[in-house]
N, C-alpha and C. Protein backbone atom coordinates (compact mmCIF):
# COMPACT_ATOMS: atom_id res chain seq x y z
N MET A 1 248.04 -5.39 171.34
CA MET A 1 247.08 -4.51 170.68
C MET A 1 246.11 -3.96 171.72
N SER A 2 245.74 -2.70 171.57
CA SER A 2 244.78 -2.10 172.49
C SER A 2 243.69 -1.38 171.71
N ARG A 3 242.63 -1.04 172.40
CA ARG A 3 241.52 -0.29 171.82
C ARG A 3 241.49 1.07 172.47
N ASP A 4 241.21 2.13 171.69
CA ASP A 4 241.27 3.50 172.20
C ASP A 4 239.94 3.96 172.77
N ILE A 5 240.04 4.69 173.89
CA ILE A 5 238.89 5.37 174.50
C ILE A 5 239.29 6.83 174.61
N ARG A 6 238.49 7.73 174.07
CA ARG A 6 238.77 9.15 174.15
C ARG A 6 238.11 9.73 175.41
N ILE A 7 238.86 10.55 176.14
CA ILE A 7 238.36 11.17 177.38
C ILE A 7 237.38 12.28 177.04
N ALA A 8 236.27 12.32 177.75
CA ALA A 8 235.26 13.38 177.61
C ALA A 8 235.19 14.18 178.91
N PRO A 9 234.76 15.44 178.84
CA PRO A 9 234.54 16.18 180.09
C PRO A 9 233.43 15.50 180.90
N LEU A 10 233.55 15.55 182.21
CA LEU A 10 232.55 14.97 183.09
C LEU A 10 231.35 15.91 183.17
N THR A 11 230.16 15.39 182.86
CA THR A 11 228.93 16.17 183.01
C THR A 11 227.95 15.37 183.85
N VAL A 12 227.09 16.07 184.54
CA VAL A 12 226.07 15.43 185.38
C VAL A 12 225.22 14.49 184.53
N GLN A 13 224.81 14.94 183.35
CA GLN A 13 223.93 14.16 182.49
C GLN A 13 224.62 12.89 181.98
N ASP A 14 225.84 13.00 181.48
CA ASP A 14 226.53 11.83 180.92
C ASP A 14 226.92 10.82 182.00
N PHE A 15 227.17 11.30 183.22
CA PHE A 15 227.61 10.42 184.30
C PHE A 15 226.45 9.81 185.08
N ALA A 16 225.24 10.33 184.91
CA ALA A 16 224.07 9.91 185.71
C ALA A 16 223.82 8.40 185.72
N PRO A 17 224.02 7.66 184.62
CA PRO A 17 223.78 6.21 184.70
C PRO A 17 224.76 5.48 185.62
N PHE A 18 225.89 6.12 185.94
CA PHE A 18 226.95 5.48 186.70
C PHE A 18 227.06 5.99 188.14
N GLY A 19 226.58 7.22 188.38
CA GLY A 19 226.72 7.79 189.71
C GLY A 19 226.43 9.28 189.74
N ASP A 20 226.94 9.93 190.78
CA ASP A 20 226.68 11.34 191.03
C ASP A 20 227.95 12.15 190.82
N VAL A 21 227.82 13.34 190.22
CA VAL A 21 228.90 14.31 190.15
C VAL A 21 228.69 15.27 191.31
N MET A 22 229.71 15.45 192.13
CA MET A 22 229.62 16.36 193.27
C MET A 22 230.49 17.58 192.98
N ASN A 23 229.85 18.75 192.98
CA ASN A 23 230.58 19.98 192.74
C ASN A 23 229.88 21.14 193.44
N CYS A 24 230.43 22.31 193.28
CA CYS A 24 229.85 23.51 193.90
C CYS A 24 229.23 24.40 192.84
N ALA A 25 228.63 23.79 191.83
CA ALA A 25 227.98 24.55 190.77
C ALA A 25 226.71 25.21 191.30
N GLY A 26 226.44 26.40 190.80
CA GLY A 26 225.22 27.10 191.18
C GLY A 26 225.34 27.81 192.51
N VAL A 27 224.20 28.10 193.07
CA VAL A 27 224.10 28.83 194.33
C VAL A 27 224.10 27.82 195.49
N PRO A 28 224.83 28.10 196.56
CA PRO A 28 224.81 27.18 197.71
C PRO A 28 223.39 26.97 198.23
N ASP A 29 223.14 25.80 198.78
CA ASP A 29 221.84 25.51 199.37
C ASP A 29 221.62 26.34 200.63
N LYS A 30 222.72 26.67 201.31
CA LYS A 30 222.62 27.42 202.55
C LYS A 30 223.94 28.14 202.80
N MET A 31 223.87 29.35 203.29
CA MET A 31 225.06 30.07 203.71
C MET A 31 225.22 29.89 205.22
N ILE A 32 226.43 29.54 205.66
CA ILE A 32 226.70 29.30 207.08
C ILE A 32 227.95 30.07 207.49
N ASN A 33 228.34 29.93 208.74
CA ASN A 33 229.55 30.57 209.27
C ASN A 33 229.57 32.07 208.99
N ALA A 34 228.52 32.74 209.46
CA ALA A 34 228.38 34.20 209.31
C ALA A 34 228.42 34.61 207.84
N GLY A 35 227.90 33.77 206.95
CA GLY A 35 227.83 34.09 205.54
C GLY A 35 229.14 33.92 204.78
N LEU A 36 230.12 33.30 205.40
CA LEU A 36 231.44 33.14 204.76
C LEU A 36 231.65 31.76 204.14
N CYS A 37 230.66 30.87 204.27
CA CYS A 37 230.81 29.51 203.75
C CYS A 37 229.49 29.06 203.14
N GLY A 38 229.56 28.58 201.89
CA GLY A 38 228.37 28.05 201.23
C GLY A 38 228.31 26.54 201.37
N ARG A 39 227.17 26.03 201.84
CA ARG A 39 226.98 24.58 201.96
C ARG A 39 226.21 24.09 200.74
N PHE A 40 226.82 23.19 199.98
CA PHE A 40 226.19 22.52 198.86
C PHE A 40 225.77 21.16 199.39
N HIS A 41 224.52 21.05 199.77
CA HIS A 41 224.02 19.98 200.63
C HIS A 41 223.67 18.71 199.86
N ASP A 42 224.01 17.56 200.43
CA ASP A 42 223.55 16.25 200.01
C ASP A 42 223.77 16.01 198.52
N ARG A 43 225.01 16.06 198.08
CA ARG A 43 225.36 15.98 196.66
C ARG A 43 225.52 14.56 196.13
N ALA A 44 225.42 13.54 196.97
CA ALA A 44 225.55 12.15 196.49
C ALA A 44 224.62 11.25 197.28
N GLN A 45 224.14 10.22 196.60
CA GLN A 45 223.24 9.26 197.23
C GLN A 45 224.04 8.04 197.66
N LEU A 46 224.33 7.93 198.96
CA LEU A 46 225.03 6.76 199.47
C LEU A 46 224.05 5.60 199.52
N ASP A 47 224.52 4.42 199.12
CA ASP A 47 223.65 3.25 199.02
C ASP A 47 224.43 2.05 199.52
N LEU A 48 224.00 1.50 200.67
CA LEU A 48 224.68 0.35 201.27
C LEU A 48 223.68 -0.76 201.52
N ASP A 49 224.19 -1.99 201.49
CA ASP A 49 223.32 -3.10 201.88
C ASP A 49 223.04 -2.99 203.38
N ASP A 50 222.16 -3.81 203.89
CA ASP A 50 221.73 -3.73 205.29
C ASP A 50 222.85 -3.99 206.29
N ASP A 51 223.86 -4.75 205.90
CA ASP A 51 224.92 -5.11 206.84
C ASP A 51 226.09 -4.13 206.85
N GLY A 52 226.09 -3.16 205.96
CA GLY A 52 227.24 -2.27 205.84
C GLY A 52 227.14 -1.04 206.70
N LYS A 53 228.29 -0.44 206.96
CA LYS A 53 228.33 0.87 207.60
C LYS A 53 229.16 1.77 206.72
N VAL A 54 228.92 3.07 206.80
CA VAL A 54 229.66 4.04 206.00
C VAL A 54 231.00 4.29 206.65
N GLY A 55 232.05 4.26 205.85
CA GLY A 55 233.38 4.58 206.33
C GLY A 55 234.01 5.65 205.45
N ILE A 56 234.89 6.44 206.04
CA ILE A 56 235.67 7.42 205.29
C ILE A 56 237.13 7.03 205.42
N SER A 57 237.76 6.78 204.29
CA SER A 57 239.17 6.36 204.25
C SER A 57 239.95 7.37 203.43
N LEU A 58 241.27 7.39 203.60
CA LEU A 58 242.15 8.20 202.77
C LEU A 58 242.92 7.26 201.85
N PHE A 59 242.98 7.61 200.58
CA PHE A 59 243.71 6.83 199.59
C PHE A 59 244.78 7.74 198.99
N ARG A 60 245.99 7.25 198.87
CA ARG A 60 247.06 7.97 198.19
C ARG A 60 247.41 7.18 196.93
N SER A 61 247.22 7.81 195.78
CA SER A 61 247.39 7.12 194.50
C SER A 61 248.51 7.76 193.69
N GLU A 62 249.28 6.93 193.02
CA GLU A 62 250.40 7.41 192.21
C GLU A 62 249.90 8.11 190.95
N LEU A 63 250.70 9.07 190.47
CA LEU A 63 250.44 9.78 189.23
C LEU A 63 250.35 8.79 188.07
N ARG A 64 249.39 9.01 187.19
CA ARG A 64 249.24 8.20 185.97
C ARG A 64 249.48 9.12 184.78
N GLN A 65 249.90 8.54 183.69
CA GLN A 65 250.20 9.28 182.47
C GLN A 65 249.24 8.87 181.36
N LEU A 66 248.99 9.81 180.45
CA LEU A 66 248.25 9.50 179.22
C LEU A 66 249.25 9.25 178.11
N PRO A 67 249.00 8.35 177.20
CA PRO A 67 247.86 7.44 177.21
C PRO A 67 247.96 6.46 178.38
N TYR A 68 246.80 6.13 178.92
CA TYR A 68 246.68 5.25 180.08
C TYR A 68 246.19 3.89 179.60
N THR A 69 246.83 2.83 180.04
CA THR A 69 246.41 1.48 179.69
C THR A 69 245.41 0.97 180.72
N LEU A 70 244.21 0.68 180.24
CA LEU A 70 243.13 0.16 181.09
C LEU A 70 243.02 -1.34 180.86
N ASP A 71 243.42 -2.11 181.85
CA ASP A 71 243.33 -3.56 181.71
C ASP A 71 242.36 -4.19 182.69
N MET A 72 241.80 -3.37 183.61
CA MET A 72 240.92 -3.92 184.64
C MET A 72 239.92 -2.86 185.11
N VAL A 73 238.71 -3.31 185.39
CA VAL A 73 237.71 -2.49 186.09
C VAL A 73 237.21 -3.31 187.27
N GLU A 74 236.63 -2.61 188.23
CA GLU A 74 236.09 -3.27 189.42
C GLU A 74 234.73 -2.69 189.74
N ARG A 75 234.01 -3.40 190.63
CA ARG A 75 232.74 -2.86 191.13
C ARG A 75 232.51 -3.38 192.53
N HIS A 76 231.60 -2.68 193.22
CA HIS A 76 231.29 -3.00 194.61
C HIS A 76 229.77 -3.26 194.70
N PRO A 77 229.37 -4.53 194.73
CA PRO A 77 227.94 -4.86 194.69
C PRO A 77 227.18 -4.54 195.96
N LEU A 78 227.88 -4.29 197.07
CA LEU A 78 227.19 -4.08 198.35
C LEU A 78 227.13 -2.61 198.78
N GLY A 79 227.68 -1.71 197.97
CA GLY A 79 227.60 -0.31 198.37
C GLY A 79 228.19 0.63 197.33
N SER A 80 227.73 1.89 197.38
CA SER A 80 228.27 2.94 196.53
C SER A 80 229.68 3.30 196.99
N GLN A 81 230.39 4.07 196.17
CA GLN A 81 231.75 4.48 196.53
C GLN A 81 232.01 5.87 195.96
N ALA A 82 232.42 6.80 196.84
CA ALA A 82 232.71 8.17 196.43
C ALA A 82 234.21 8.43 196.44
N PHE A 83 234.71 9.08 195.40
CA PHE A 83 236.10 9.55 195.31
C PHE A 83 236.08 11.06 195.44
N ILE A 84 236.69 11.59 196.50
CA ILE A 84 236.69 13.02 196.77
C ILE A 84 238.14 13.49 196.81
N PRO A 85 238.60 14.21 195.76
CA PRO A 85 239.99 14.65 195.76
C PRO A 85 240.24 15.68 196.86
N MET A 86 241.43 15.64 197.42
CA MET A 86 241.79 16.60 198.47
C MET A 86 242.73 17.66 197.90
N SER A 87 242.56 17.92 196.60
CA SER A 87 243.26 19.00 195.91
C SER A 87 242.31 19.50 194.82
N MET A 88 242.70 20.53 194.13
CA MET A 88 241.88 21.07 193.05
C MET A 88 242.27 20.47 191.69
N ASP A 89 243.03 19.38 191.70
CA ASP A 89 243.50 18.78 190.45
C ASP A 89 242.45 17.85 189.86
N PRO A 90 242.24 17.94 188.54
CA PRO A 90 241.34 17.00 187.88
C PRO A 90 241.89 15.57 187.95
N PHE A 91 241.00 14.60 187.79
CA PHE A 91 241.43 13.21 187.73
C PHE A 91 240.59 12.46 186.71
N LEU A 92 241.10 11.32 186.27
CA LEU A 92 240.45 10.51 185.27
C LEU A 92 239.42 9.59 185.94
N VAL A 93 238.24 9.50 185.35
CA VAL A 93 237.17 8.63 185.85
C VAL A 93 236.77 7.69 184.71
N ILE A 94 236.88 6.40 184.96
CA ILE A 94 236.51 5.40 183.96
C ILE A 94 235.34 4.59 184.51
N VAL A 95 234.32 4.41 183.70
CA VAL A 95 233.13 3.65 184.09
C VAL A 95 232.71 2.74 182.95
N ALA A 96 231.89 1.75 183.27
CA ALA A 96 231.32 0.88 182.24
C ALA A 96 229.98 0.37 182.73
N ALA A 97 229.06 0.22 181.79
CA ALA A 97 227.78 -0.42 182.10
C ALA A 97 228.02 -1.93 182.14
N ASP A 98 226.97 -2.70 182.28
CA ASP A 98 227.11 -4.15 182.37
C ASP A 98 227.69 -4.78 181.10
N ASP A 99 227.68 -4.04 179.97
CA ASP A 99 228.30 -4.54 178.74
C ASP A 99 229.82 -4.48 178.79
N LEU A 100 230.37 -3.85 179.85
CA LEU A 100 231.81 -3.73 180.08
C LEU A 100 232.53 -2.99 178.96
N ILE A 101 231.83 -2.06 178.29
CA ILE A 101 232.47 -1.17 177.32
C ILE A 101 232.78 0.14 178.06
N PRO A 102 234.05 0.42 178.31
CA PRO A 102 234.40 1.56 179.16
C PRO A 102 234.18 2.91 178.49
N ARG A 103 233.91 3.90 179.35
CA ARG A 103 233.87 5.31 178.98
C ARG A 103 234.82 6.03 179.92
N ALA A 104 235.45 7.09 179.43
CA ALA A 104 236.41 7.84 180.23
C ALA A 104 235.99 9.31 180.30
N PHE A 105 236.09 9.87 181.50
CA PHE A 105 235.78 11.27 181.75
C PHE A 105 236.93 11.90 182.52
N VAL A 106 237.02 13.20 182.44
CA VAL A 106 237.96 13.92 183.30
C VAL A 106 237.15 14.94 184.10
N THR A 107 237.44 15.00 185.39
CA THR A 107 236.73 15.94 186.26
C THR A 107 237.24 17.35 186.04
N ALA A 108 236.45 18.32 186.41
CA ALA A 108 236.90 19.70 186.49
C ALA A 108 237.58 19.88 187.84
N PRO A 109 238.43 20.89 187.99
CA PRO A 109 239.06 21.11 189.29
C PRO A 109 238.02 21.21 190.41
N GLY A 110 238.25 20.47 191.48
CA GLY A 110 237.36 20.51 192.64
C GLY A 110 236.15 19.60 192.57
N GLU A 111 235.96 18.87 191.47
CA GLU A 111 234.82 17.96 191.38
C GLU A 111 235.16 16.61 192.01
N ALA A 112 234.12 15.97 192.53
CA ALA A 112 234.21 14.64 193.10
C ALA A 112 233.12 13.79 192.45
N ILE A 113 233.23 12.47 192.62
CA ILE A 113 232.21 11.58 192.04
C ILE A 113 231.81 10.52 193.06
N ASN A 114 230.62 10.00 192.86
CA ASN A 114 230.11 8.90 193.67
C ASN A 114 229.57 7.84 192.72
N PHE A 115 230.18 6.66 192.73
CA PHE A 115 229.71 5.57 191.89
C PHE A 115 228.49 4.92 192.53
N HIS A 116 227.45 4.65 191.72
CA HIS A 116 226.32 3.87 192.21
C HIS A 116 226.79 2.46 192.60
N ARG A 117 226.07 1.85 193.50
CA ARG A 117 226.34 0.46 193.88
C ARG A 117 226.35 -0.41 192.62
N GLY A 118 227.39 -1.25 192.49
CA GLY A 118 227.47 -2.18 191.37
C GLY A 118 227.99 -1.61 190.07
N THR A 119 228.43 -0.36 190.04
CA THR A 119 228.94 0.25 188.81
C THR A 119 230.38 -0.18 188.56
N TRP A 120 230.64 -0.70 187.36
CA TRP A 120 232.01 -1.02 186.97
C TRP A 120 232.79 0.28 186.83
N HIS A 121 234.00 0.32 187.39
CA HIS A 121 234.80 1.55 187.31
C HIS A 121 236.28 1.24 187.37
N GLY A 122 237.07 2.20 186.90
CA GLY A 122 238.51 2.10 186.99
C GLY A 122 238.99 2.48 188.37
N VAL A 123 240.29 2.37 188.56
CA VAL A 123 240.91 2.71 189.84
C VAL A 123 241.16 4.21 189.91
N LEU A 124 241.54 4.70 191.08
CA LEU A 124 241.89 6.12 191.22
C LEU A 124 243.02 6.47 190.27
N THR A 125 242.82 7.51 189.49
CA THR A 125 243.76 7.83 188.42
C THR A 125 244.06 9.33 188.38
N PRO A 126 244.91 9.82 189.28
CA PRO A 126 245.28 11.24 189.22
C PRO A 126 246.17 11.52 188.01
N LEU A 127 245.98 12.68 187.39
CA LEU A 127 246.71 13.03 186.19
C LEU A 127 247.70 14.18 186.39
N SER A 128 247.70 14.82 187.57
CA SER A 128 248.52 16.02 187.79
C SER A 128 249.58 15.84 188.85
N GLY A 129 249.75 14.67 189.37
CA GLY A 129 250.70 14.40 190.44
C GLY A 129 250.10 13.33 191.32
N PRO A 130 250.83 12.88 192.33
CA PRO A 130 250.23 11.91 193.25
C PRO A 130 248.93 12.48 193.82
N GLY A 131 247.93 11.63 193.97
CA GLY A 131 246.63 12.10 194.42
C GLY A 131 246.31 11.63 195.82
N LEU A 132 245.71 12.52 196.59
CA LEU A 132 245.19 12.17 197.90
C LEU A 132 243.68 12.34 197.83
N PHE A 133 242.96 11.28 198.18
CA PHE A 133 241.51 11.26 198.06
C PHE A 133 240.88 10.79 199.36
N ALA A 134 239.76 11.41 199.72
CA ALA A 134 238.88 10.83 200.73
C ALA A 134 237.94 9.90 199.96
N VAL A 135 237.78 8.69 200.47
CA VAL A 135 236.89 7.72 199.83
C VAL A 135 235.83 7.34 200.85
N VAL A 136 234.58 7.49 200.45
CA VAL A 136 233.44 7.16 201.30
C VAL A 136 232.79 5.93 200.70
N ASP A 137 232.80 4.84 201.48
CA ASP A 137 232.22 3.60 200.96
C ASP A 137 231.83 2.67 202.10
N ARG A 138 231.37 1.50 201.73
CA ARG A 138 230.92 0.50 202.68
C ARG A 138 232.11 -0.15 203.36
N ILE A 139 232.06 -0.17 204.69
CA ILE A 139 233.11 -0.81 205.49
C ILE A 139 232.44 -1.95 206.24
N ASN A 140 232.83 -3.17 205.93
CA ASN A 140 232.32 -4.36 206.60
C ASN A 140 232.91 -5.57 205.91
N ASP A 141 232.74 -6.71 206.51
CA ASP A 141 233.15 -7.94 205.86
C ASP A 141 232.14 -8.25 204.77
N GLY A 142 232.53 -9.14 203.90
CA GLY A 142 231.62 -9.55 202.85
C GLY A 142 232.24 -9.36 201.48
N PRO A 143 231.69 -10.01 200.49
CA PRO A 143 232.24 -9.98 199.13
C PRO A 143 231.85 -8.70 198.38
N ASN A 144 232.52 -7.59 198.68
CA ASN A 144 232.15 -6.31 198.10
C ASN A 144 233.12 -5.84 197.03
N LEU A 145 233.89 -6.72 196.45
CA LEU A 145 234.80 -6.35 195.36
C LEU A 145 234.77 -7.43 194.30
N GLU A 146 234.43 -7.01 193.08
CA GLU A 146 234.53 -7.87 191.90
C GLU A 146 235.44 -7.17 190.91
N GLU A 147 236.33 -7.93 190.28
CA GLU A 147 237.24 -7.37 189.28
C GLU A 147 237.03 -8.06 187.94
N HIS A 148 237.18 -7.28 186.87
CA HIS A 148 237.12 -7.84 185.52
C HIS A 148 238.38 -7.39 184.78
N TYR A 149 239.15 -8.36 184.27
CA TYR A 149 240.35 -8.08 183.48
C TYR A 149 240.02 -8.25 182.00
N PHE A 150 240.35 -7.24 181.21
CA PHE A 150 240.09 -7.28 179.78
C PHE A 150 241.13 -8.15 179.08
N GLU A 151 240.68 -9.03 178.16
CA GLU A 151 241.62 -9.83 177.37
C GLU A 151 242.52 -8.92 176.53
N THR A 152 241.92 -7.90 175.93
CA THR A 152 242.65 -6.89 175.18
C THR A 152 242.49 -5.57 175.91
N PRO A 153 243.57 -4.97 176.41
CA PRO A 153 243.42 -3.72 177.17
C PRO A 153 242.95 -2.58 176.29
N TYR A 154 242.41 -1.58 176.94
CA TYR A 154 242.04 -0.33 176.28
C TYR A 154 243.14 0.68 176.50
N ARG A 155 243.25 1.65 175.58
CA ARG A 155 244.18 2.76 175.73
C ARG A 155 243.35 4.03 175.84
N VAL A 156 243.47 4.73 176.97
CA VAL A 156 242.70 5.95 177.21
C VAL A 156 243.55 7.13 176.74
N ILE A 157 242.98 7.93 175.82
CA ILE A 157 243.70 9.05 175.22
C ILE A 157 242.92 10.34 175.40
N SER A 158 243.64 11.47 175.34
CA SER A 158 242.95 12.77 175.51
C SER A 158 242.33 13.22 174.20
């Protein structure tokens, strides 16, 4: 038996308790490269403990299908974590507050997200094909991964 979670569009307001939405909405903060490139500056708040350093990694994730079975969420207590797609394909974002009741969002093409430190979240979940993501997070030794497995999985539906 599973419990259903309906996917909602990702909005800055709805996602704010969990992290930052990074996109190119509005007017660029600065035009560079002879006016041919808009810089949307400082779109996420990186947060690391004193012992961490920022790392940029590449993650390749397999295509997922809806309905999606959610049986586990994870969090990183020592640092924030950003998922930046390297394509214009939307992806599924699952988050939960400390009550561990999940919410599901889908990004718009070209959007990225940054989870606040300690935010429960699902794994990388591309919906349009295998996904390639740049991930910006804390790189160092230490207990920076906690996982929670649900006794009864959730089913994420559109």
